[in-house]
C-alpha cells in the first residue's frame, strides 16, 4: 500500500507539479509546433509517452550495467542521446507503417523527438535522483503523460482561437506564447501542493 501511495505521489508530481514543459521548460519545440490540431497533438503525445518510458528503461540499464561498471559515467549524455535516437527511429518506422496519415501530419516533429530535451531530461533526472529501474520507467511514463496533457490543452485552445477574433499582430506564435505563459502560471499553482 505504501508503494502505491509513492506511485500516486510520483504521478501527481510528474504530471502537474514538475511538468517538463510548464515547470522545467523542456520540450518547447514540439509543444509549440505540434499543438495546432488535437489529432496530431494526441499522436505526438502518445509517441512521446512511449519514447520517454522506454528511454527511461534503456538508459537506466545502460547506466547501471555498462557505464558505471566500466567507469564511463562521463559518457552518459552521448549514450543516452544515441539510445533515444534509436528508439525514435523505431517509433517513426512503426507510425509510418501503421498510421500513415498521422505520420504525415506530424511531419518534421516526429524525428525531433530525438532532440526533444524532455526525453533526455527524464533520463538524466532518473539517474540524478537515484531512482530504481521501475521508478525510472514510471517517472518517464508520468512525465510523458504530463507532456501529453499540456500538448492537448494547448491544441484545444489553439483550435478554438482559429475561430476567435484575434488581433492581426497577435495571430500565430505571439498568442501561442502568451497562452503558454498563462498555462505555466496556472500550473505553478500546483507547486503549493504538499505531497507525502
N, C-alpha and C. Protein backbone atom coordinates (compact mmCIF):
# COMPACT_ATOMS: atom_id res chain seq x y z
N UNK A 1 0.81 -1.19 0.00
CA UNK A 1 0.00 0.00 0.00
C UNK A 1 0.86 1.26 0.00
N UNK A 2 1.98 1.20 0.71
CA UNK A 2 2.88 2.35 0.78
C UNK A 2 3.48 2.65 -0.59
N UNK A 3 3.78 1.58 -1.38
CA UNK A 3 4.36 1.78 -2.70
C UNK A 3 3.34 2.40 -3.65
N UNK A 4 2.07 2.04 -3.50
CA UNK A 4 1.03 2.63 -4.35
C UNK A 4 0.91 4.13 -4.06
N UNK A 5 1.00 4.50 -2.79
CA UNK A 5 0.98 5.92 -2.44
C UNK A 5 2.18 6.64 -3.05
N UNK A 6 3.34 5.98 -3.05
CA UNK A 6 4.55 6.58 -3.65
C UNK A 6 4.36 6.77 -5.16
N UNK A 7 3.71 5.80 -5.81
CA UNK A 7 3.45 5.92 -7.25
C UNK A 7 2.49 7.07 -7.52
N UNK A 8 1.44 7.21 -6.71
CA UNK A 8 0.49 8.31 -6.89
C UNK A 8 1.16 9.66 -6.69
N UNK A 9 2.04 9.75 -5.69
CA UNK A 9 2.77 10.99 -5.46
C UNK A 9 3.67 11.30 -6.65
N UNK A 10 4.33 10.27 -7.18
CA UNK A 10 5.20 10.46 -8.35
C UNK A 10 4.38 10.90 -9.56
N UNK A 11 3.17 10.33 -9.72
CA UNK A 11 2.31 10.70 -10.85
C UNK A 11 1.89 12.16 -10.76
N UNK A 12 1.38 12.58 -9.61
CA UNK A 12 0.94 13.97 -9.45
C UNK A 12 2.12 14.92 -9.62
N UNK A 13 3.27 14.54 -9.06
CA UNK A 13 4.45 15.39 -9.17
C UNK A 13 4.91 15.54 -10.62
N UNK A 14 5.00 14.43 -11.35
CA UNK A 14 5.49 14.48 -12.73
C UNK A 14 4.51 15.14 -13.68
N UNK A 15 3.22 14.90 -13.47
CA UNK A 15 2.21 15.43 -14.39
C UNK A 15 1.92 16.90 -14.13
N UNK A 16 1.78 17.28 -12.87
CA UNK A 16 1.32 18.63 -12.56
C UNK A 16 2.40 19.54 -11.98
N UNK A 17 3.08 19.09 -10.93
CA UNK A 17 3.98 19.97 -10.20
C UNK A 17 5.28 20.21 -10.96
N UNK A 18 5.94 19.14 -11.41
CA UNK A 18 7.22 19.25 -12.12
C UNK A 18 7.04 18.93 -13.60
N UNK A 19 5.98 19.46 -14.20
CA UNK A 19 5.70 19.21 -15.61
C UNK A 19 6.89 19.65 -16.45
N UNK A 20 7.31 18.79 -17.37
CA UNK A 20 8.50 19.06 -18.16
C UNK A 20 8.36 20.32 -19.01
N UNK A 21 7.19 20.58 -19.53
CA UNK A 21 7.00 21.74 -20.41
C UNK A 21 6.79 23.02 -19.61
N UNK A 22 5.89 22.99 -18.64
CA UNK A 22 5.47 24.22 -17.99
C UNK A 22 6.25 24.56 -16.73
N UNK A 23 6.95 23.60 -16.14
CA UNK A 23 7.76 23.89 -14.95
C UNK A 23 9.25 23.86 -15.24
N UNK A 24 9.67 22.89 -16.04
CA UNK A 24 11.09 22.74 -16.34
C UNK A 24 11.46 23.36 -17.69
N UNK A 25 10.46 23.74 -18.48
CA UNK A 25 10.64 24.37 -19.79
C UNK A 25 11.48 23.51 -20.73
N UNK A 26 11.19 22.21 -20.74
CA UNK A 26 11.84 21.27 -21.64
C UNK A 26 10.81 20.80 -22.68
N UNK A 27 11.22 20.62 -23.89
CA UNK A 27 10.33 20.12 -24.93
C UNK A 27 9.42 21.19 -25.51
N UNK A 28 9.88 22.44 -25.54
CA UNK A 28 9.03 23.53 -26.02
C UNK A 28 8.83 23.50 -27.54
N UNK A 29 9.80 23.01 -28.29
CA UNK A 29 9.68 22.99 -29.75
C UNK A 29 8.48 22.16 -30.21
N UNK A 30 8.37 20.89 -29.81
CA UNK A 30 7.17 20.16 -30.23
C UNK A 30 5.90 20.68 -29.55
N UNK A 31 6.05 21.22 -28.34
CA UNK A 31 4.88 21.76 -27.64
C UNK A 31 4.25 22.89 -28.44
N UNK A 32 5.05 23.78 -28.97
CA UNK A 32 4.50 24.89 -29.74
C UNK A 32 4.25 24.53 -31.20
N UNK A 33 5.03 23.57 -31.72
CA UNK A 33 4.91 23.23 -33.13
C UNK A 33 3.79 22.28 -33.47
N UNK A 34 3.51 21.32 -32.61
CA UNK A 34 2.52 20.28 -32.92
C UNK A 34 1.17 20.59 -32.29
N UNK A 35 1.07 21.66 -31.56
CA UNK A 35 -0.16 21.93 -30.81
C UNK A 35 -1.19 22.73 -31.59
N UNK A 36 -1.21 22.60 -32.91
CA UNK A 36 -2.19 23.34 -33.70
C UNK A 36 -3.48 22.54 -33.90
N UNK A 37 -3.38 21.21 -33.93
CA UNK A 37 -4.53 20.33 -34.14
C UNK A 37 -4.53 19.25 -33.08
N UNK A 38 -5.72 18.91 -32.57
CA UNK A 38 -5.83 17.92 -31.50
C UNK A 38 -5.36 16.53 -31.92
N UNK A 39 -5.68 16.12 -33.16
CA UNK A 39 -5.30 14.76 -33.55
C UNK A 39 -3.80 14.59 -33.66
N UNK A 40 -3.11 15.56 -34.23
CA UNK A 40 -1.65 15.44 -34.32
C UNK A 40 -1.01 15.62 -32.94
N UNK A 41 -1.61 16.44 -32.07
CA UNK A 41 -1.10 16.60 -30.71
C UNK A 41 -1.24 15.30 -29.94
N UNK A 42 -2.36 14.61 -30.11
CA UNK A 42 -2.57 13.33 -29.43
C UNK A 42 -1.57 12.28 -29.92
N UNK A 43 -1.38 12.21 -31.23
CA UNK A 43 -0.42 11.25 -31.79
C UNK A 43 1.00 11.53 -31.30
N UNK A 44 1.38 12.79 -31.29
CA UNK A 44 2.71 13.15 -30.79
C UNK A 44 2.83 12.83 -29.31
N UNK A 45 1.79 13.10 -28.55
CA UNK A 45 1.80 12.80 -27.12
C UNK A 45 1.99 11.32 -26.85
N UNK A 46 1.28 10.48 -27.59
CA UNK A 46 1.43 9.03 -27.41
C UNK A 46 2.84 8.57 -27.76
N UNK A 47 3.39 9.13 -28.83
CA UNK A 47 4.77 8.78 -29.21
C UNK A 47 5.75 9.21 -28.13
N UNK A 48 5.55 10.39 -27.55
CA UNK A 48 6.46 10.88 -26.51
C UNK A 48 6.33 10.04 -25.24
N UNK A 49 5.10 9.65 -24.88
CA UNK A 49 4.92 8.78 -23.70
C UNK A 49 5.70 7.49 -23.89
N UNK A 50 5.54 6.88 -25.05
CA UNK A 50 6.22 5.62 -25.33
C UNK A 50 7.74 5.79 -25.29
N UNK A 51 8.23 6.82 -25.97
CA UNK A 51 9.68 7.03 -26.03
C UNK A 51 10.24 7.37 -24.65
N UNK A 52 9.54 8.21 -23.87
CA UNK A 52 10.05 8.57 -22.54
C UNK A 52 10.10 7.36 -21.61
N UNK A 53 9.07 6.53 -21.65
CA UNK A 53 9.05 5.36 -20.77
C UNK A 53 10.12 4.34 -21.18
N UNK A 54 10.19 4.05 -22.47
CA UNK A 54 11.17 3.06 -22.94
C UNK A 54 12.59 3.62 -22.81
N UNK A 55 12.78 4.89 -23.11
CA UNK A 55 14.12 5.50 -22.97
C UNK A 55 14.56 5.50 -21.52
N UNK A 56 13.62 5.71 -20.59
CA UNK A 56 13.97 5.65 -19.17
C UNK A 56 14.48 4.28 -18.80
N UNK A 57 13.83 3.25 -19.32
CA UNK A 57 14.26 1.88 -19.01
C UNK A 57 15.64 1.59 -19.61
N UNK A 58 15.81 1.88 -20.89
CA UNK A 58 17.07 1.56 -21.56
C UNK A 58 18.24 2.38 -21.00
N UNK A 59 18.00 3.66 -20.75
CA UNK A 59 19.11 4.48 -20.23
C UNK A 59 19.49 4.07 -18.83
N UNK A 60 18.52 3.65 -18.00
CA UNK A 60 18.84 3.17 -16.66
C UNK A 60 19.69 1.90 -16.75
N UNK A 61 19.29 0.99 -17.64
CA UNK A 61 20.05 -0.26 -17.80
C UNK A 61 21.46 0.01 -18.32
N UNK A 62 21.57 0.90 -19.30
CA UNK A 62 22.88 1.22 -19.86
C UNK A 62 23.77 1.85 -18.79
N UNK A 63 23.19 2.76 -18.02
CA UNK A 63 23.96 3.41 -16.97
C UNK A 63 24.39 2.41 -15.89
N UNK A 64 23.45 1.59 -15.43
CA UNK A 64 23.73 0.68 -14.31
C UNK A 64 24.64 -0.48 -14.69
N UNK A 65 24.48 -1.00 -15.91
CA UNK A 65 25.21 -2.22 -16.26
C UNK A 65 26.34 -2.03 -17.27
N UNK A 66 26.47 -0.82 -17.82
CA UNK A 66 27.55 -0.59 -18.77
C UNK A 66 28.45 0.57 -18.34
N UNK A 67 27.86 1.72 -18.10
CA UNK A 67 28.67 2.91 -17.84
C UNK A 67 29.30 2.91 -16.44
N UNK A 68 28.53 2.62 -15.41
CA UNK A 68 29.07 2.63 -14.05
C UNK A 68 30.12 1.53 -13.84
N UNK A 69 29.84 0.28 -14.24
CA UNK A 69 30.86 -0.76 -14.01
C UNK A 69 32.18 -0.52 -14.74
N UNK A 70 32.11 0.15 -15.89
CA UNK A 70 33.34 0.39 -16.65
C UNK A 70 33.95 1.76 -16.35
N UNK A 71 33.33 2.54 -15.46
CA UNK A 71 33.85 3.85 -15.09
C UNK A 71 33.68 4.89 -16.18
N UNK A 72 32.68 4.71 -17.03
CA UNK A 72 32.46 5.63 -18.15
C UNK A 72 31.23 6.53 -17.95
N UNK A 73 30.99 6.93 -16.69
CA UNK A 73 29.81 7.75 -16.40
C UNK A 73 29.82 9.07 -17.16
N UNK A 74 31.00 9.55 -17.51
CA UNK A 74 31.10 10.83 -18.22
C UNK A 74 30.53 10.74 -19.64
N UNK A 75 30.25 9.53 -20.11
CA UNK A 75 29.66 9.34 -21.44
C UNK A 75 28.14 9.21 -21.40
N UNK A 76 27.54 9.52 -20.25
CA UNK A 76 26.09 9.36 -20.10
C UNK A 76 25.31 10.11 -21.17
N UNK A 77 25.62 11.37 -21.36
CA UNK A 77 24.85 12.17 -22.31
C UNK A 77 24.91 11.59 -23.72
N UNK A 78 26.08 11.22 -24.16
CA UNK A 78 26.23 10.65 -25.50
C UNK A 78 25.50 9.32 -25.61
N UNK A 79 25.66 8.46 -24.60
CA UNK A 79 24.99 7.16 -24.62
C UNK A 79 23.48 7.33 -24.60
N UNK A 80 23.00 8.28 -23.79
CA UNK A 80 21.55 8.49 -23.70
C UNK A 80 21.00 9.04 -25.02
N UNK A 81 21.71 9.96 -25.64
CA UNK A 81 21.23 10.52 -26.92
C UNK A 81 21.19 9.45 -28.00
N UNK A 82 22.20 8.60 -28.07
CA UNK A 82 22.20 7.52 -29.06
C UNK A 82 21.06 6.54 -28.81
N UNK A 83 20.80 6.23 -27.55
CA UNK A 83 19.69 5.33 -27.21
C UNK A 83 18.36 5.94 -27.61
N UNK A 84 18.16 7.21 -27.28
CA UNK A 84 16.91 7.89 -27.62
C UNK A 84 16.74 7.97 -29.14
N UNK A 85 17.81 8.26 -29.86
CA UNK A 85 17.74 8.34 -31.33
C UNK A 85 17.31 7.01 -31.93
N UNK A 86 17.84 5.91 -31.41
CA UNK A 86 17.46 4.59 -31.92
C UNK A 86 15.99 4.30 -31.62
N UNK A 87 15.53 4.64 -30.44
CA UNK A 87 14.13 4.41 -30.10
C UNK A 87 13.19 5.25 -30.96
N UNK A 88 13.57 6.49 -31.22
CA UNK A 88 12.74 7.35 -32.06
C UNK A 88 12.66 6.81 -33.48
N UNK A 89 13.76 6.29 -33.98
CA UNK A 89 13.75 5.68 -35.32
C UNK A 89 12.75 4.52 -35.36
N UNK A 90 12.74 3.72 -34.30
CA UNK A 90 11.81 2.60 -34.22
C UNK A 90 10.37 3.10 -34.20
N UNK A 91 10.08 4.11 -33.39
CA UNK A 91 8.73 4.67 -33.30
C UNK A 91 8.32 5.28 -34.64
N UNK A 92 9.24 5.98 -35.27
CA UNK A 92 8.95 6.60 -36.57
C UNK A 92 8.60 5.56 -37.62
N UNK A 93 9.36 4.47 -37.68
CA UNK A 93 9.05 3.40 -38.64
C UNK A 93 7.71 2.75 -38.33
N UNK A 94 7.41 2.55 -37.04
CA UNK A 94 6.15 1.93 -36.65
C UNK A 94 4.97 2.82 -37.04
N UNK A 95 5.05 4.12 -36.76
CA UNK A 95 3.95 5.03 -37.10
C UNK A 95 3.79 5.16 -38.61
N UNK A 96 4.91 5.16 -39.34
CA UNK A 96 4.84 5.26 -40.80
C UNK A 96 4.11 4.06 -41.39
N UNK A 97 4.33 2.87 -40.82
CA UNK A 97 3.67 1.66 -41.33
C UNK A 97 2.22 1.55 -40.85
N UNK A 98 1.96 1.89 -39.58
CA UNK A 98 0.64 1.63 -39.02
C UNK A 98 -0.33 2.80 -39.19
N UNK A 99 0.16 4.03 -39.21
CA UNK A 99 -0.73 5.20 -39.33
C UNK A 99 -0.10 6.24 -40.24
N UNK A 100 -0.15 6.02 -41.56
CA UNK A 100 0.49 6.96 -42.49
C UNK A 100 -0.05 8.39 -42.40
N UNK A 101 -1.34 8.54 -42.12
CA UNK A 101 -1.91 9.89 -42.03
C UNK A 101 -1.31 10.63 -40.83
N UNK A 102 -1.18 9.95 -39.71
CA UNK A 102 -0.57 10.56 -38.52
C UNK A 102 0.89 10.87 -38.80
N UNK A 103 1.58 9.97 -39.47
CA UNK A 103 2.98 10.19 -39.81
C UNK A 103 3.14 11.45 -40.66
N UNK A 104 2.23 11.63 -41.61
CA UNK A 104 2.30 12.81 -42.48
C UNK A 104 1.95 14.08 -41.70
N UNK A 105 0.96 14.00 -40.80
CA UNK A 105 0.57 15.20 -40.05
C UNK A 105 1.62 15.63 -39.04
N UNK A 106 2.37 14.66 -38.48
CA UNK A 106 3.43 15.02 -37.54
C UNK A 106 4.62 15.63 -38.24
N UNK A 107 4.84 15.22 -39.48
CA UNK A 107 5.90 15.82 -40.30
C UNK A 107 7.26 15.76 -39.64
N UNK A 108 7.92 16.92 -39.59
CA UNK A 108 9.29 17.00 -39.09
C UNK A 108 9.36 16.86 -37.57
N UNK A 109 8.21 16.99 -36.89
CA UNK A 109 8.24 16.97 -35.43
C UNK A 109 8.46 15.57 -34.85
N UNK A 110 8.14 14.53 -35.61
CA UNK A 110 8.39 13.18 -35.12
C UNK A 110 9.88 12.89 -34.98
N UNK A 111 10.70 13.17 -36.00
CA UNK A 111 12.14 12.98 -35.79
C UNK A 111 12.71 13.93 -34.74
N UNK A 112 12.02 15.04 -34.48
CA UNK A 112 12.51 15.98 -33.47
C UNK A 112 12.39 15.45 -32.05
N UNK A 113 11.66 14.32 -31.86
CA UNK A 113 11.62 13.71 -30.53
C UNK A 113 13.04 13.33 -30.13
N UNK A 114 13.87 13.00 -31.12
CA UNK A 114 15.27 12.65 -30.84
C UNK A 114 15.95 13.79 -30.10
N UNK A 115 15.71 15.00 -30.52
CA UNK A 115 16.35 16.16 -29.89
C UNK A 115 15.45 16.83 -28.86
N UNK A 116 14.32 16.19 -28.53
CA UNK A 116 13.43 16.73 -27.51
C UNK A 116 14.14 16.62 -26.17
N UNK A 117 14.47 17.76 -25.61
CA UNK A 117 15.24 17.76 -24.37
C UNK A 117 14.45 17.20 -23.21
N UNK A 118 13.12 17.09 -23.31
CA UNK A 118 12.33 16.48 -22.24
C UNK A 118 12.66 14.99 -22.13
N UNK A 119 12.88 14.33 -23.26
CA UNK A 119 13.20 12.90 -23.23
C UNK A 119 14.58 12.68 -22.62
N UNK A 120 15.54 13.49 -23.03
CA UNK A 120 16.87 13.40 -22.43
C UNK A 120 16.82 13.85 -20.97
N UNK A 121 16.00 14.84 -20.69
CA UNK A 121 15.88 15.35 -19.32
C UNK A 121 15.37 14.30 -18.35
N UNK A 122 14.37 13.52 -18.76
CA UNK A 122 13.84 12.49 -17.85
C UNK A 122 14.89 11.42 -17.59
N UNK A 123 15.69 11.07 -18.60
CA UNK A 123 16.74 10.07 -18.39
C UNK A 123 17.78 10.58 -17.41
N UNK A 124 18.18 11.81 -17.54
CA UNK A 124 19.18 12.39 -16.64
C UNK A 124 18.61 12.56 -15.23
N UNK A 125 17.36 13.00 -15.13
CA UNK A 125 16.73 13.17 -13.81
C UNK A 125 16.62 11.83 -13.09
N UNK A 126 16.27 10.78 -13.83
CA UNK A 126 16.18 9.45 -13.22
C UNK A 126 17.51 9.04 -12.59
N UNK A 127 18.61 9.31 -13.28
CA UNK A 127 19.93 8.94 -12.77
C UNK A 127 20.32 9.85 -11.61
N UNK A 128 20.10 11.15 -11.77
CA UNK A 128 20.49 12.11 -10.72
C UNK A 128 19.68 11.93 -9.44
N UNK A 129 18.42 11.51 -9.56
CA UNK A 129 17.58 11.29 -8.38
C UNK A 129 17.75 9.89 -7.80
N UNK A 130 18.64 9.10 -8.40
CA UNK A 130 18.93 7.74 -7.95
C UNK A 130 17.67 6.87 -7.87
N UNK A 131 16.83 6.97 -8.91
CA UNK A 131 15.63 6.15 -8.95
C UNK A 131 15.99 4.73 -9.35
N UNK A 132 15.23 3.77 -8.84
CA UNK A 132 15.47 2.38 -9.26
C UNK A 132 14.84 2.15 -10.63
N UNK A 133 14.97 0.94 -11.14
CA UNK A 133 14.54 0.65 -12.51
C UNK A 133 13.05 0.92 -12.70
N UNK A 134 12.20 0.38 -11.85
CA UNK A 134 10.76 0.55 -12.00
C UNK A 134 10.35 2.02 -11.82
N UNK A 135 10.92 2.68 -10.83
CA UNK A 135 10.60 4.09 -10.62
C UNK A 135 11.04 4.96 -11.80
N UNK A 136 12.15 4.58 -12.44
CA UNK A 136 12.61 5.32 -13.63
C UNK A 136 11.60 5.20 -14.76
N UNK A 137 11.10 3.98 -14.97
CA UNK A 137 10.10 3.78 -16.03
C UNK A 137 8.83 4.56 -15.71
N UNK A 138 8.38 4.49 -14.46
CA UNK A 138 7.17 5.21 -14.07
C UNK A 138 7.36 6.73 -14.19
N UNK A 139 8.51 7.22 -13.79
CA UNK A 139 8.79 8.66 -13.92
C UNK A 139 8.77 9.07 -15.40
N UNK A 140 9.34 8.25 -16.26
CA UNK A 140 9.30 8.54 -17.69
C UNK A 140 7.89 8.51 -18.24
N UNK A 141 7.12 7.51 -17.82
CA UNK A 141 5.73 7.40 -18.27
C UNK A 141 4.91 8.60 -17.81
N UNK A 142 4.99 8.93 -16.52
CA UNK A 142 4.21 10.05 -16.00
C UNK A 142 4.68 11.38 -16.57
N UNK A 143 5.99 11.51 -16.82
CA UNK A 143 6.49 12.71 -17.48
C UNK A 143 5.90 12.86 -18.87
N UNK A 144 5.79 11.73 -19.60
CA UNK A 144 5.16 11.74 -20.92
C UNK A 144 3.68 12.07 -20.86
N UNK A 145 3.00 11.58 -19.83
CA UNK A 145 1.58 11.90 -19.64
C UNK A 145 1.41 13.40 -19.39
N UNK A 146 2.29 13.97 -18.57
CA UNK A 146 2.23 15.41 -18.33
C UNK A 146 2.48 16.21 -19.60
N UNK A 147 3.45 15.77 -20.40
CA UNK A 147 3.74 16.41 -21.69
C UNK A 147 2.51 16.34 -22.59
N UNK A 148 1.89 15.16 -22.66
CA UNK A 148 0.71 14.98 -23.50
C UNK A 148 -0.46 15.83 -23.02
N UNK A 149 -0.64 15.92 -21.71
CA UNK A 149 -1.73 16.72 -21.16
C UNK A 149 -1.62 18.18 -21.59
N UNK A 150 -0.45 18.77 -21.42
CA UNK A 150 -0.31 20.19 -21.78
C UNK A 150 -0.34 20.38 -23.30
N UNK A 151 0.14 19.38 -24.04
CA UNK A 151 0.08 19.45 -25.50
C UNK A 151 -1.38 19.44 -25.97
N UNK A 152 -2.21 18.58 -25.38
CA UNK A 152 -3.62 18.53 -25.75
C UNK A 152 -4.36 19.78 -25.30
N UNK A 153 -4.03 20.29 -24.13
CA UNK A 153 -4.67 21.53 -23.66
C UNK A 153 -4.35 22.69 -24.61
N UNK A 154 -3.09 22.79 -24.99
CA UNK A 154 -2.67 23.86 -25.91
C UNK A 154 -3.34 23.70 -27.27
N UNK A 155 -3.41 22.46 -27.76
CA UNK A 155 -4.05 22.22 -29.07
C UNK A 155 -5.53 22.59 -29.03
N UNK A 156 -6.21 22.25 -27.94
CA UNK A 156 -7.61 22.60 -27.81
C UNK A 156 -7.83 24.10 -27.80
N UNK A 157 -6.97 24.80 -27.08
CA UNK A 157 -7.08 26.27 -27.03
C UNK A 157 -6.78 26.87 -28.39
N UNK A 158 -5.75 26.37 -29.05
CA UNK A 158 -5.38 26.95 -30.35
C UNK A 158 -6.43 26.65 -31.42
N UNK A 159 -7.09 25.50 -31.35
CA UNK A 159 -8.17 25.22 -32.31
C UNK A 159 -9.32 26.19 -32.10
N UNK A 160 -9.63 26.51 -30.84
CA UNK A 160 -10.70 27.47 -30.56
C UNK A 160 -10.30 28.87 -31.01
N UNK A 161 -9.02 29.20 -30.89
CA UNK A 161 -8.56 30.53 -31.29
C UNK A 161 -8.62 30.73 -32.80
N UNK A 162 -8.64 29.64 -33.56
CA UNK A 162 -8.77 29.76 -35.02
C UNK A 162 -10.10 30.43 -35.39
N UNK A 163 -11.11 30.22 -34.55
CA UNK A 163 -12.43 30.78 -34.82
C UNK A 163 -12.66 32.11 -34.10
N UNK A 164 -11.73 32.50 -33.23
CA UNK A 164 -11.88 33.74 -32.47
C UNK A 164 -11.29 34.92 -33.23
N UNK A 165 -11.73 36.10 -32.84
CA UNK A 165 -11.19 37.31 -33.45
C UNK A 165 -9.96 37.74 -32.64
N UNK A 166 -8.81 37.40 -33.15
CA UNK A 166 -7.55 37.76 -32.51
C UNK A 166 -6.93 38.87 -33.34
N UNK A 167 -6.41 39.92 -32.70
CA UNK A 167 -5.77 41.00 -33.48
C UNK A 167 -4.69 40.43 -34.40
N UNK A 168 -4.56 41.02 -35.56
CA UNK A 168 -3.64 40.50 -36.57
C UNK A 168 -2.21 40.38 -36.05
N UNK A 169 -1.78 41.33 -35.24
CA UNK A 169 -0.41 41.29 -34.74
C UNK A 169 -0.20 40.19 -33.70
N UNK A 170 -1.28 39.63 -33.16
CA UNK A 170 -1.18 38.59 -32.13
C UNK A 170 -1.43 37.19 -32.68
N UNK A 171 -1.81 37.07 -33.94
CA UNK A 171 -2.13 35.77 -34.51
C UNK A 171 -0.88 34.91 -34.64
N UNK A 172 -1.07 33.61 -34.49
CA UNK A 172 0.04 32.67 -34.66
C UNK A 172 0.85 32.50 -33.39
N UNK A 173 2.15 32.65 -33.52
CA UNK A 173 3.06 32.38 -32.42
C UNK A 173 2.92 33.35 -31.24
N UNK A 174 2.67 34.66 -31.46
CA UNK A 174 2.55 35.55 -30.29
C UNK A 174 1.45 35.11 -29.31
N UNK A 175 0.28 34.78 -29.82
CA UNK A 175 -0.80 34.37 -28.92
C UNK A 175 -0.49 33.00 -28.30
N UNK A 176 0.20 32.14 -29.04
CA UNK A 176 0.59 30.82 -28.51
C UNK A 176 1.55 30.99 -27.33
N UNK A 177 2.49 31.91 -27.44
CA UNK A 177 3.42 32.15 -26.34
C UNK A 177 2.73 32.76 -25.13
N UNK A 178 1.76 33.62 -25.35
CA UNK A 178 1.00 34.19 -24.23
C UNK A 178 0.20 33.09 -23.54
N UNK A 179 -0.43 32.22 -24.31
CA UNK A 179 -1.18 31.10 -23.73
C UNK A 179 -0.25 30.18 -22.95
N UNK A 180 0.92 29.90 -23.52
CA UNK A 180 1.89 29.04 -22.83
C UNK A 180 2.30 29.66 -21.49
N UNK A 181 2.51 30.96 -21.48
CA UNK A 181 2.85 31.64 -20.23
C UNK A 181 1.73 31.57 -19.21
N UNK A 182 0.51 31.75 -19.66
CA UNK A 182 -0.65 31.66 -18.75
C UNK A 182 -0.81 30.24 -18.21
N UNK A 183 -0.59 29.25 -19.07
CA UNK A 183 -0.68 27.86 -18.62
C UNK A 183 0.42 27.57 -17.59
N UNK A 184 1.62 28.09 -17.82
CA UNK A 184 2.71 27.88 -16.88
C UNK A 184 2.38 28.50 -15.53
N UNK A 185 1.77 29.69 -15.55
CA UNK A 185 1.35 30.33 -14.29
C UNK A 185 0.28 29.50 -13.59
N UNK A 186 -0.65 28.95 -14.37
CA UNK A 186 -1.70 28.13 -13.78
C UNK A 186 -1.11 26.87 -13.14
N UNK A 187 -0.17 26.24 -13.82
CA UNK A 187 0.46 25.03 -13.28
C UNK A 187 1.36 25.35 -12.10
N UNK A 188 1.83 26.58 -12.01
CA UNK A 188 2.65 26.99 -10.87
C UNK A 188 1.83 26.88 -9.57
N UNK A 189 0.52 26.99 -9.69
CA UNK A 189 -0.34 26.83 -8.53
C UNK A 189 -0.24 25.44 -7.89
N UNK A 190 0.09 24.43 -8.72
CA UNK A 190 0.25 23.08 -8.18
C UNK A 190 1.50 22.95 -7.33
N UNK A 191 2.44 23.86 -7.47
CA UNK A 191 3.69 23.78 -6.70
C UNK A 191 3.44 23.92 -5.20
N UNK A 192 2.31 24.47 -4.83
CA UNK A 192 1.98 24.62 -3.42
C UNK A 192 1.42 23.37 -2.78
N UNK A 193 1.19 22.32 -3.59
CA UNK A 193 0.66 21.07 -3.03
C UNK A 193 1.67 20.43 -2.08
N UNK A 194 1.19 19.94 -0.98
CA UNK A 194 2.03 19.25 -0.01
C UNK A 194 1.82 17.76 -0.22
N UNK A 195 2.80 17.08 -0.82
CA UNK A 195 2.69 15.65 -1.09
C UNK A 195 3.57 14.88 -0.11
N UNK A 196 3.04 13.76 0.34
CA UNK A 196 3.83 12.85 1.18
C UNK A 196 3.97 13.32 2.54
